[in-house]
Amino acid sequence: DLREYMLQRIDAEFEGYPDFKKEKSKEEIKFRAESDEFFAIELKETHKVIGNIYLGKREFNNRELGYVLNENYQNKGYGTQASKAIVEYAFE
């Protein structure tokens, strides 16, 4: 699922991944799975991963929030829902 939506990002205007090839997908999955800054966005019904949300650590205990969604699931409120959930998580 990660590879599916990351391949859509190869020519993206913002946060593009021009060097993201099939062989790099395993490396990227491992990196994101081991990171405490990346979280999967998945459909509750099917558990399909449709994107990821990022809560990056910055100076002075600040956080940076960003997300990427599979193009087939954009404009459906998933990014908003994931953002609200990650903000709640951050303040727990």
PDB file of N, CA and C in Angstrom:
ATOM      1  N   ASP A   1       0.821  -1.197   0.000  1.00  0.00           N
ATOM      2  CA  ASP A   1       0.000   0.000   0.000  1.00  0.00           C
ATOM      3  C   ASP A   1       0.865   1.260   0.000  1.00  0.00           C
ATOM      4  N   LEU A   2       1.932   1.257   0.803  1.00  0.00           N
ATOM      5  CA  LEU A   2       2.838   2.413   0.840  1.00  0.00           C
ATOM      6  C   LEU A   2       3.440   2.660  -0.537  1.00  0.00           C
ATOM      7  N   ARG A   3       3.906   1.608  -1.158  1.00  0.00           N
ATOM      8  CA  ARG A   3       4.518   1.748  -2.479  1.00  0.00           C
ATOM      9  C   ARG A   3       3.511   2.311  -3.486  1.00  0.00           C
ATOM     10  N   GLU A   4       2.270   1.883  -3.388  1.00  0.00           N
ATOM     11  CA  GLU A   4       1.239   2.354  -4.319  1.00  0.00           C
ATOM     12  C   GLU A   4       1.100   3.874  -4.275  1.00  0.00           C
ATOM     13  N   TYR A   5       0.966   4.443  -3.080  1.00  0.00           N
ATOM     14  CA  TYR A   5       0.777   5.897  -3.043  1.00  0.00           C
ATOM     15  C   TYR A   5       2.086   6.667  -3.156  1.00  0.00           C
ATOM     16  N   MET A   6       3.201   6.064  -2.756  1.00  0.00           N
ATOM     17  CA  MET A   6       4.480   6.753  -2.922  1.00  0.00           C
ATOM     18  C   MET A   6       4.861   6.851  -4.403  1.00  0.00           C
ATOM     19  N   LEU A   7       4.530   5.853  -5.192  1.00  0.00           N
ATOM     20  CA  LEU A   7       4.808   5.918  -6.624  1.00  0.00           C
ATOM     21  C   LEU A   7       4.022   7.038  -7.287  1.00  0.00           C
ATOM     22  N   GLN A   8       2.890   7.403  -6.731  1.00  0.00           N
ATOM     23  CA  GLN A   8       2.110   8.534  -7.234  1.00  0.00           C
ATOM     24  C   GLN A   8       2.840   9.849  -6.975  1.00  0.00           C
ATOM     25  N   ARG A   9       3.772   9.865  -6.052  1.00  0.00           N
ATOM     26  CA  ARG A   9       4.460  11.088  -5.632  1.00  0.00           C
ATOM     27  C   ARG A   9       5.718  11.373  -6.443  1.00  0.00           C
ATOM     28  N   ILE A  10       6.083  10.535  -7.364  1.00  0.00           N
ATOM     29  CA  ILE A  10       7.337  10.703  -8.100  1.00  0.00           C
ATOM     30  C   ILE A  10       7.426  12.082  -8.744  1.00  0.00           C
ATOM     31  N   ASP A  11       6.366  12.533  -9.370  1.00  0.00           N
ATOM     32  CA  ASP A  11       6.367  13.827 -10.042  1.00  0.00           C
ATOM     33  C   ASP A  11       5.544  14.878  -9.299  1.00  0.00           C
ATOM     34  N   ALA A  12       5.314  14.682  -8.010  1.00  0.00           N
ATOM     35  CA  ALA A  12       4.491  15.611  -7.235  1.00  0.00           C
ATOM     36  C   ALA A  12       5.171  16.970  -7.110  1.00  0.00           C
ATOM     37  N   GLU A  13       4.361  18.016  -7.129  1.00  0.00           N
ATOM     38  CA  GLU A  13       4.895  19.376  -6.997  1.00  0.00           C
ATOM     39  C   GLU A  13       5.481  19.606  -5.611  1.00  0.00           C
ATOM     40  N   PHE A  14       4.771  19.160  -4.579  1.00  0.00           N
ATOM     41  CA  PHE A  14       5.234  19.291  -3.201  1.00  0.00           C
ATOM     42  C   PHE A  14       5.538  17.902  -2.655  1.00  0.00           C
ATOM     43  N   GLU A  15       6.655  17.783  -1.965  1.00  0.00           N
ATOM     44  CA  GLU A  15       7.095  16.524  -1.373  1.00  0.00           C
ATOM     45  C   GLU A  15       7.137  15.405  -2.407  1.00  0.00           C
ATOM     46  N   GLY A  16       7.827  15.656  -3.497  1.00  0.00           N
ATOM     47  CA  GLY A  16       7.996  14.640  -4.520  1.00  0.00           C
ATOM     48  C   GLY A  16       9.085  13.652  -4.146  1.00  0.00           C
ATOM     49  N   TYR A  17       9.025  12.494  -4.704  1.00  0.00           N
ATOM     50  CA  TYR A  17      10.021  11.458  -4.469  1.00  0.00           C
ATOM     51  C   TYR A  17      10.524  10.956  -5.821  1.00  0.00           C
ATOM     52  N   PRO A  18      11.309  11.767  -6.531  1.00  0.00           N
ATOM     53  CA  PRO A  18      11.710  11.403  -7.892  1.00  0.00           C
ATOM     54  C   PRO A  18      12.561  10.137  -7.975  1.00  0.00           C
ATOM     55  N   ASP A  19      13.255   9.785  -6.902  1.00  0.00           N
ATOM     56  CA  ASP A  19      14.104   8.591  -6.940  1.00  0.00           C
ATOM     57  C   ASP A  19      13.424   7.373  -6.333  1.00  0.00           C
ATOM     58  N   PHE A  20      12.127   7.448  -6.079  1.00  0.00           N
ATOM     59  CA  PHE A  20      11.408   6.353  -5.437  1.00  0.00           C
ATOM     60  C   PHE A  20      11.085   5.284  -6.478  1.00  0.00           C
ATOM     61  N   LYS A  21      11.852   4.253  -6.471  1.00  0.00           N
ATOM     62  CA  LYS A  21      11.654   3.141  -7.385  1.00  0.00           C
ATOM     63  C   LYS A  21      11.216   1.922  -6.585  1.00  0.00           C
ATOM     64  N   LYS A  22      10.815   0.888  -7.281  1.00  0.00           N
ATOM     65  CA  LYS A  22      10.308  -0.321  -6.637  1.00  0.00           C
ATOM     66  C   LYS A  22      11.276  -0.863  -5.586  1.00  0.00           C
ATOM     67  N   GLU A  23      12.574  -0.873  -5.912  1.00  0.00           N
ATOM     68  CA  GLU A  23      13.561  -1.432  -4.982  1.00  0.00           C
ATOM     69  C   GLU A  23      13.731  -0.574  -3.727  1.00  0.00           C
ATOM     70  N   LYS A  24      13.452   0.720  -3.837  1.00  0.00           N
ATOM     71  CA  LYS A  24      13.589   1.595  -2.681  1.00  0.00           C
ATOM     72  C   LYS A  24      12.399   1.470  -1.727  1.00  0.00           C
ATOM     73  N   SER A  25      11.304   0.897  -2.183  1.00  0.00           N
ATOM     74  CA  SER A  25      10.101   0.832  -1.351  1.00  0.00           C
ATOM     75  C   SER A  25      10.328   0.030  -0.065  1.00  0.00           C
ATOM     76  N   LYS A  26      11.049  -1.065  -0.129  1.00  0.00           N
ATOM     77  CA  LYS A  26      11.313  -1.862   1.073  1.00  0.00           C
ATOM     78  C   LYS A  26      12.115  -1.057   2.098  1.00  0.00           C
ATOM     79  N   GLU A  27      13.095  -0.331   1.607  1.00  0.00           N
ATOM     80  CA  GLU A  27      13.928   0.515   2.460  1.00  0.00           C
ATOM     81  C   GLU A  27      13.079   1.615   3.129  1.00  0.00           C
ATOM     82  N   GLU A  28      12.204   2.227   2.356  1.00  0.00           N
ATOM     83  CA  GLU A  28      11.351   3.306   2.878  1.00  0.00           C
ATOM     84  C   GLU A  28      10.328   2.775   3.883  1.00  0.00           C
ATOM     85  N   ILE A  29       9.756   1.610   3.615  1.00  0.00           N
ATOM     86  CA  ILE A  29       8.806   0.990   4.543  1.00  0.00           C
ATOM     87  C   ILE A  29       9.497   0.718   5.878  1.00  0.00           C
ATOM     88  N   LYS A  30      10.704   0.160   5.823  1.00  0.00           N
ATOM     89  CA  LYS A  30      11.462  -0.133   7.050  1.00  0.00           C
ATOM     90  C   LYS A  30      11.740   1.157   7.828  1.00  0.00           C
ATOM     91  N   PHE A  31      12.184   2.202   7.132  1.00  0.00           N
ATOM     92  CA  PHE A  31      12.487   3.471   7.782  1.00  0.00           C
ATOM     93  C   PHE A  31      11.258   4.035   8.487  1.00  0.00           C
ATOM     94  N   ARG A  32      10.131   4.064   7.788  1.00  0.00           N
ATOM     95  CA  ARG A  32       8.916   4.643   8.365  1.00  0.00           C
ATOM     96  C   ARG A  32       8.356   3.783   9.490  1.00  0.00           C
ATOM     97  N   ALA A  33       8.458   2.475   9.368  1.00  0.00           N
ATOM     98  CA  ALA A  33       7.960   1.581  10.415  1.00  0.00           C
ATOM     99  C   ALA A  33       8.768   1.723  11.705  1.00  0.00           C
ATOM    100  N   GLU A  34      10.047   2.002  11.588  1.00  0.00           N
ATOM    101  CA  GLU A  34      10.910   2.129  12.764  1.00  0.00           C
ATOM    102  C   GLU A  34      10.898   3.536  13.359  1.00  0.00           C
ATOM    103  N   SER A  35      10.368   4.500  12.636  1.00  0.00           N
ATOM    104  CA  SER A  35      10.354   5.885  13.089  1.00  0.00           C
ATOM    105  C   SER A  35       9.174   6.142  14.024  1.00  0.00           C
ATOM    106  N   ASP A  36       9.395   6.983  15.030  1.00  0.00           N
ATOM    107  CA  ASP A  36       8.288   7.369  15.901  1.00  0.00           C
ATOM    108  C   ASP A  36       7.644   8.673  15.417  1.00  0.00           C
ATOM    109  N   GLU A  37       8.021   9.124  14.215  1.00  0.00           N
ATOM    110  CA  GLU A  37       7.460  10.347  13.648  1.00  0.00           C
ATOM    111  C   GLU A  37       6.431  10.075  12.549  1.00  0.00           C
ATOM    112  N   PHE A  38       6.396   8.859  12.012  1.00  0.00           N
ATOM    113  CA  PHE A  38       5.465   8.506  10.938  1.00  0.00           C
ATOM    114  C   PHE A  38       4.373   7.578  11.462  1.00  0.00           C
ATOM    115  N   PHE A  39       3.162   7.813  11.002  1.00  0.00           N
ATOM    116  CA  PHE A  39       2.019   6.977  11.360  1.00  0.00           C
ATOM    117  C   PHE A  39       1.244   6.664  10.079  1.00  0.00           C
ATOM    118  N   ALA A  40       0.768   5.440   9.954  1.00  0.00           N
ATOM    119  CA  ALA A  40      -0.010   5.060   8.784  1.00  0.00           C
ATOM    120  C   ALA A  40      -1.422   5.632   8.899  1.00  0.00           C
ATOM    121  N   ILE A  41      -1.975   6.014   7.767  1.00  0.00           N
ATOM    122  CA  ILE A  41      -3.389   6.371   7.676  1.00  0.00           C
ATOM    123  C   ILE A  41      -4.033   5.212   6.937  1.00  0.00           C
ATOM    124  N   GLU A  42      -4.953   4.531   7.609  1.00  0.00           N
ATOM    125  CA  GLU A  42      -5.577   3.370   6.987  1.00  0.00           C
ATOM    126  C   GLU A  42      -7.085   3.449   7.079  1.00  0.00           C
ATOM    127  N   LEU A  43      -7.734   2.771   6.151  1.00  0.00           N
ATOM    128  CA  LEU A  43      -9.188   2.683   6.177  1.00  0.00           C
ATOM    129  C   LEU A  43      -9.594   1.735   7.290  1.00  0.00           C
ATOM    130  N   LYS A  44     -10.518   2.148   8.118  1.00  0.00           N
ATOM    131  CA  LYS A  44     -10.946   1.318   9.248  1.00  0.00           C
ATOM    132  C   LYS A  44     -11.544  -0.008   8.780  1.00  0.00           C
ATOM    133  N   GLU A  45     -12.325   0.043   7.700  1.00  0.00           N
ATOM    134  CA  GLU A  45     -13.050  -1.146   7.247  1.00  0.00           C
ATOM    135  C   GLU A  45     -12.137  -2.240   6.695  1.00  0.00           C
ATOM    136  N   THR A  46     -11.135  -1.834   5.923  1.00  0.00           N
ATOM    137  CA  THR A  46     -10.301  -2.817   5.222  1.00  0.00           C
ATOM    138  C   THR A  46      -8.850  -2.850   5.696  1.00  0.00           C
ATOM    139  N   HIS A  47      -8.453  -1.877   6.492  1.00  0.00           N
ATOM    140  CA  HIS A  47      -7.074  -1.722   6.970  1.00  0.00           C
ATOM    141  C   HIS A  47      -6.093  -1.434   5.835  1.00  0.00           C
ATOM    142  N   LYS A  48      -6.588  -0.974   4.698  1.00  0.00           N
ATOM    143  CA  LYS A  48      -5.720  -0.570   3.592  1.00  0.00           C
ATOM    144  C   LYS A  48      -5.036   0.734   3.980  1.00  0.00           C
ATOM    145  N   VAL A  49      -3.718   0.766   3.838  1.00  0.00           N
ATOM    146  CA  VAL A  49      -2.957   1.984   4.103  1.00  0.00           C
ATOM    147  C   VAL A  49      -3.139   2.913   2.902  1.00  0.00           C
ATOM    148  N   ILE A  50      -3.698   4.099   3.177  1.00  0.00           N
ATOM    149  CA  ILE A  50      -3.978   5.058   2.106  1.00  0.00           C
ATOM    150  C   ILE A  50      -3.099   6.298   2.195  1.00  0.00           C
ATOM    151  N   GLY A  51      -2.199   6.309   3.145  1.00  0.00           N
ATOM    152  CA  GLY A  51      -1.301   7.443   3.291  1.00  0.00           C
ATOM    153  C   GLY A  51      -0.533   7.356   4.591  1.00  0.00           C
ATOM    154  N   ASN A  52       0.161   8.430   4.884  1.00  0.00           N
ATOM    155  CA  ASN A  52       0.845   8.516   6.172  1.00  0.00           C
ATOM    156  C   ASN A  52       0.758   9.946   6.684  1.00  0.00           C
ATOM    157  N   ILE A  53       0.854  10.053   7.991  1.00  0.00           N
ATOM    158  CA  ILE A  53       0.892  11.354   8.636  1.00  0.00           C
ATOM    159  C   ILE A  53       2.203  11.426   9.402  1.00  0.00           C
ATOM    160  N   TYR A  54       2.774  12.608   9.412  1.00  0.00           N
ATOM    161  CA  TYR A  54       4.100  12.826   9.967  1.00  0.00           C
ATOM    162  C   TYR A  54       3.992  13.836  11.096  1.00  0.00           C
ATOM    163  N   LEU A  55       4.554  13.488  12.236  1.00  0.00           N
ATOM    164  CA  LEU A  55       4.619  14.389  13.381  1.00  0.00           C
ATOM    165  C   LEU A  55       6.090  14.514  13.753  1.00  0.00           C
ATOM    166  N   GLY A  56       6.793  15.377  13.023  1.00  0.00           N
ATOM    167  CA  GLY A  56       8.245  15.507  13.163  1.00  0.00           C
ATOM    168  C   GLY A  56       8.661  16.347  14.342  1.00  0.00           C
ATOM    169  N   LYS A  57       9.716  15.935  14.985  1.00  0.00           N
ATOM    170  CA  LYS A  57      10.261  16.662  16.132  1.00  0.00           C
ATOM    171  C   LYS A  57      11.141  17.805  15.646  1.00  0.00           C
ATOM    172  N   ARG A  58      10.947  18.980  16.219  1.00  0.00           N
ATOM    173  CA  ARG A  58      11.714  20.161  15.859  1.00  0.00           C
ATOM    174  C   ARG A  58      12.297  20.798  17.118  1.00  0.00           C
ATOM    175  N   GLU A  59      13.047  21.879  16.942  1.00  0.00           N
ATOM    176  CA  GLU A  59      13.662  22.579  18.076  1.00  0.00           C
ATOM    177  C   GLU A  59      12.602  23.097  19.039  1.00  0.00           C
ATOM    178  N   PHE A  60      13.011  23.289  20.288  1.00  0.00           N
ATOM    179  CA  PHE A  60      12.186  23.883  21.333  1.00  0.00           C
ATOM    180  C   PHE A  60      10.893  23.101  21.584  1.00  0.00           C
ATOM    181  N   ASN A  61      10.960  21.780  21.446  1.00  0.00           N
ATOM    182  CA  ASN A  61       9.820  20.900  21.693  1.00  0.00           C
ATOM    183  C   ASN A  61       8.641  21.189  20.750  1.00  0.00           C
ATOM    184  N   ASN A  62       8.938  21.732  19.581  1.00  0.00           N
ATOM    185  CA  ASN A  62       7.909  21.965  18.565  1.00  0.00           C
ATOM    186  C   ASN A  62       7.727  20.717  17.715  1.00  0.00           C
ATOM    187  N   ARG A  63       6.590  20.628  17.063  1.00  0.00           N
ATOM    188  CA  ARG A  63       6.302  19.525  16.149  1.00  0.00           C
ATOM    189  C   ARG A  63       5.856  20.069  14.800  1.00  0.00           C
ATOM    190  N   GLU A  64       6.163  19.339  13.765  1.00  0.00           N
ATOM    191  CA  GLU A  64       5.724  19.662  12.412  1.00  0.00           C
ATOM    192  C   GLU A  64       4.776  18.567  11.950  1.00  0.00           C
ATOM    193  N   LEU A  65       3.625  18.952  11.457  1.00  0.00           N
ATOM    194  CA  LEU A  65       2.632  17.992  11.015  1.00  0.00           C
ATOM    195  C   LEU A  65       2.487  18.065   9.494  1.00  0.00           C
ATOM    196  N   GLY A  66       2.457  16.919   8.871  1.00  0.00           N
ATOM    197  CA  GLY A  66       2.231  16.844   7.436  1.00  0.00           C
ATOM    198  C   GLY A  66       1.669  15.478   7.096  1.00  0.00           C
ATOM    199  N   TYR A  67       0.986  15.393   5.988  1.00  0.00           N
ATOM    200  CA  TYR A  67       0.487  14.093   5.567  1.00  0.00           C
ATOM    201  C   TYR A  67       0.473  13.981   4.049  1.00  0.00           C
ATOM    202  N   VAL A  68       0.486  12.737   3.603  1.00  0.00           N
ATOM    203  CA  VAL A  68       0.420  12.403   2.186  1.00  0.00           C
ATOM    204  C   VAL A  68      -0.641  11.316   2.047  1.00  0.00           C
ATOM    205  N   LEU A  69      -1.525  11.497   1.068  1.00  0.00           N
ATOM    206  CA  LEU A  69      -2.574  10.507   0.830  1.00  0.00           C
ATOM    207  C   LEU A  69      -2.500   9.969  -0.590  1.00  0.00           C
ATOM    208  N   ASN A  70      -2.895   8.722  -0.736  1.00  0.00           N
ATOM    209  CA  ASN A  70      -3.094   8.125  -2.047  1.00  0.00           C
ATOM    210  C   ASN A  70      -4.075   9.008  -2.812  1.00  0.00           C
ATOM    211  N   GLU A  71      -3.768   9.315  -4.066  1.00  0.00           N
ATOM    212  CA  GLU A  71      -4.612  10.201  -4.871  1.00  0.00           C
ATOM    213  C   GLU A  71      -6.064   9.732  -4.944  1.00  0.00           C
ATOM    214  N   ASN A  72      -6.283   8.434  -4.870  1.00  0.00           N
ATOM    215  CA  ASN A  72      -7.633   7.883  -4.959  1.00  0.00           C
ATOM    216  C   ASN A  72      -8.475   8.146  -3.708  1.00  0.00           C
ATOM    217  N   TYR A  73      -7.854   8.658  -2.646  1.00  0.00           N
ATOM    218  CA  TYR A  73      -8.561   8.881  -1.386  1.00  0.00           C
ATOM    219  C   TYR A  73      -8.485  10.332  -0.929  1.00  0.00           C
ATOM    220  N   GLN A  74      -8.057  11.214  -1.800  1.00  0.00           N
ATOM    221  CA  GLN A  74      -7.984  12.628  -1.453  1.00  0.00           C
ATOM    222  C   GLN A  74      -9.362  13.281  -1.540  1.00  0.00           C
ATOM    223  N   ASN A  75      -9.509  14.391  -0.815  1.00  0.00           N
ATOM    224  CA  ASN A  75     -10.754  15.180  -0.797  1.00  0.00           C
ATOM    225  C   ASN A  75     -11.952  14.410  -0.248  1.00  0.00           C
ATOM    226  N   LYS A  76     -11.689  13.525   0.701  1.00  0.00           N
ATOM    227  CA  LYS A  76     -12.746  12.747   1.341  1.00  0.00           C
ATOM    228  C   LYS A  76     -12.744  12.921   2.861  1.00  0.00           C
ATOM    229  N   GLY A  77     -11.884  13.814   3.364  1.00  0.00           N
ATOM    230  CA  GLY A  77     -11.829  14.092   4.790  1.00  0.00           C
ATOM    231  C   GLY A  77     -10.849  13.232   5.571  1.00  0.00           C
ATOM    232  N   TYR A  78     -10.147  12.313   4.913  1.00  0.00           N
ATOM    233  CA  TYR A  78      -9.221  11.432   5.631  1.00  0.00           C
ATOM    234  C   TYR A  78      -8.034  12.201   6.217  1.00  0.00           C
ATOM    235  N   GLY A  79      -7.521  13.170   5.505  1.00  0.00           N
ATOM    236  CA  GLY A  79      -6.409  13.974   6.006  1.00  0.00           C
ATOM    237  C   GLY A  79      -6.818  14.794   7.215  1.00  0.00           C
ATOM    238  N   THR A  80      -8.004  15.370   7.165  1.00  0.00           N
ATOM    239  CA  THR A  80      -8.522  16.143   8.300  1.00  0.00           C
ATOM    240  C   THR A  80      -8.725  15.249   9.512  1.00  0.00           C
ATOM    241  N   GLN A  81      -9.315  14.098   9.292  1.00  0.00           N
ATOM    242  CA  GLN A  81      -9.565  13.151  10.385  1.00  0.00           C
ATOM    243  C   GLN A  81      -8.252  12.676  11.011  1.00  0.00           C
ATOM    244  N   ALA A  82      -7.272  12.370  10.171  1.00  0.00           N
ATOM    245  CA  ALA A  82      -5.973  11.922  10.678  1.00  0.00           C
ATOM    246  C   ALA A  82      -5.262  13.044  11.420  1.00  0.00           C
ATOM    247  N   SER A  83      -5.365  14.269  10.911  1.00  0.00           N
ATOM    248  CA  SER A  83      -4.726  15.419  11.571  1.00  0.00           C
ATOM    249  C   SER A  83      -5.312  15.656  12.956  1.00  0.00           C
ATOM    250  N   LYS A  84      -6.626  15.593  13.070  1.00  0.00           N
ATOM    251  CA  LYS A  84      -7.264  15.763  14.378  1.00  0.00           C
ATOM    252  C   LYS A  84      -6.808  14.680  15.344  1.00  0.00           C
ATOM    253  N   ALA A  85      -6.733  13.447  14.871  1.00  0.00           N
ATOM    254  CA  ALA A  85      -6.319  12.329  15.729  1.00  0.00           C
ATOM    255  C   ALA A  85      -4.876  12.477  16.185  1.00  0.00           C
ATOM    256  N   ILE A  86      -3.992  12.914  15.296  1.00  0.00           N
ATOM    257  CA  ILE A  86      -2.570  13.029  15.664  1.00  0.00           C
ATOM    258  C   ILE A  86      -2.342  14.196  16.616  1.00  0.00           C
ATOM    259  N   VAL A  87      -3.118  15.265  16.480  1.00  0.00           N
ATOM    260  CA  VAL A  87      -3.008  16.391  17.420  1.00  0.00           C
ATOM    261  C   VAL A  87      -3.466  15.933  18.805  1.00  0.00           C
ATOM    262  N   GLU A  88      -4.558  15.204  18.875  1.00  0.00           N
ATOM    263  CA  GLU A  88      -5.014  14.659  20.167  1.00  0.00           C
ATOM    264  C   GLU A  88      -3.942  13.762  20.769  1.00  0.00           C
ATOM    265  N   TYR A  89      -3.357  12.914  19.952  1.00  0.00           N
ATOM    266  CA  TYR A  89      -2.295  12.015  20.392  1.00  0.00           C
ATOM    267  C   TYR A  89      -1.109  12.805  20.943  1.00  0.00           C
ATOM    268  N   ALA A  90      -0.729  13.868  20.271  1.00  0.00           N
ATOM    269  CA  ALA A  90       0.425  14.679  20.661  1.00  0.00           C
ATOM    270  C   ALA A  90       0.225  15.333  22.033  1.00  0.00           C
ATOM    271  N   PHE A  91      -1.015  15.648  22.353  1.00  0.00           N
ATOM    272  CA  PHE A  91      -1.284  16.324  23.623  1.00  0.00           C
ATOM    273  C   PHE A  91      -1.619  15.357  24.764  1.00  0.00           C
ATOM    274  N   GLU A  92      -1.643  14.070  24.482  1.00  0.00           N
ATOM    275  CA  GLU A  92      -1.882  13.090  25.558  1.00  0.00           C
ATOM    276  C   GLU A  92      -0.664  12.954  26.438  1.00  0.00           C
TER     277      GLU A  92
END
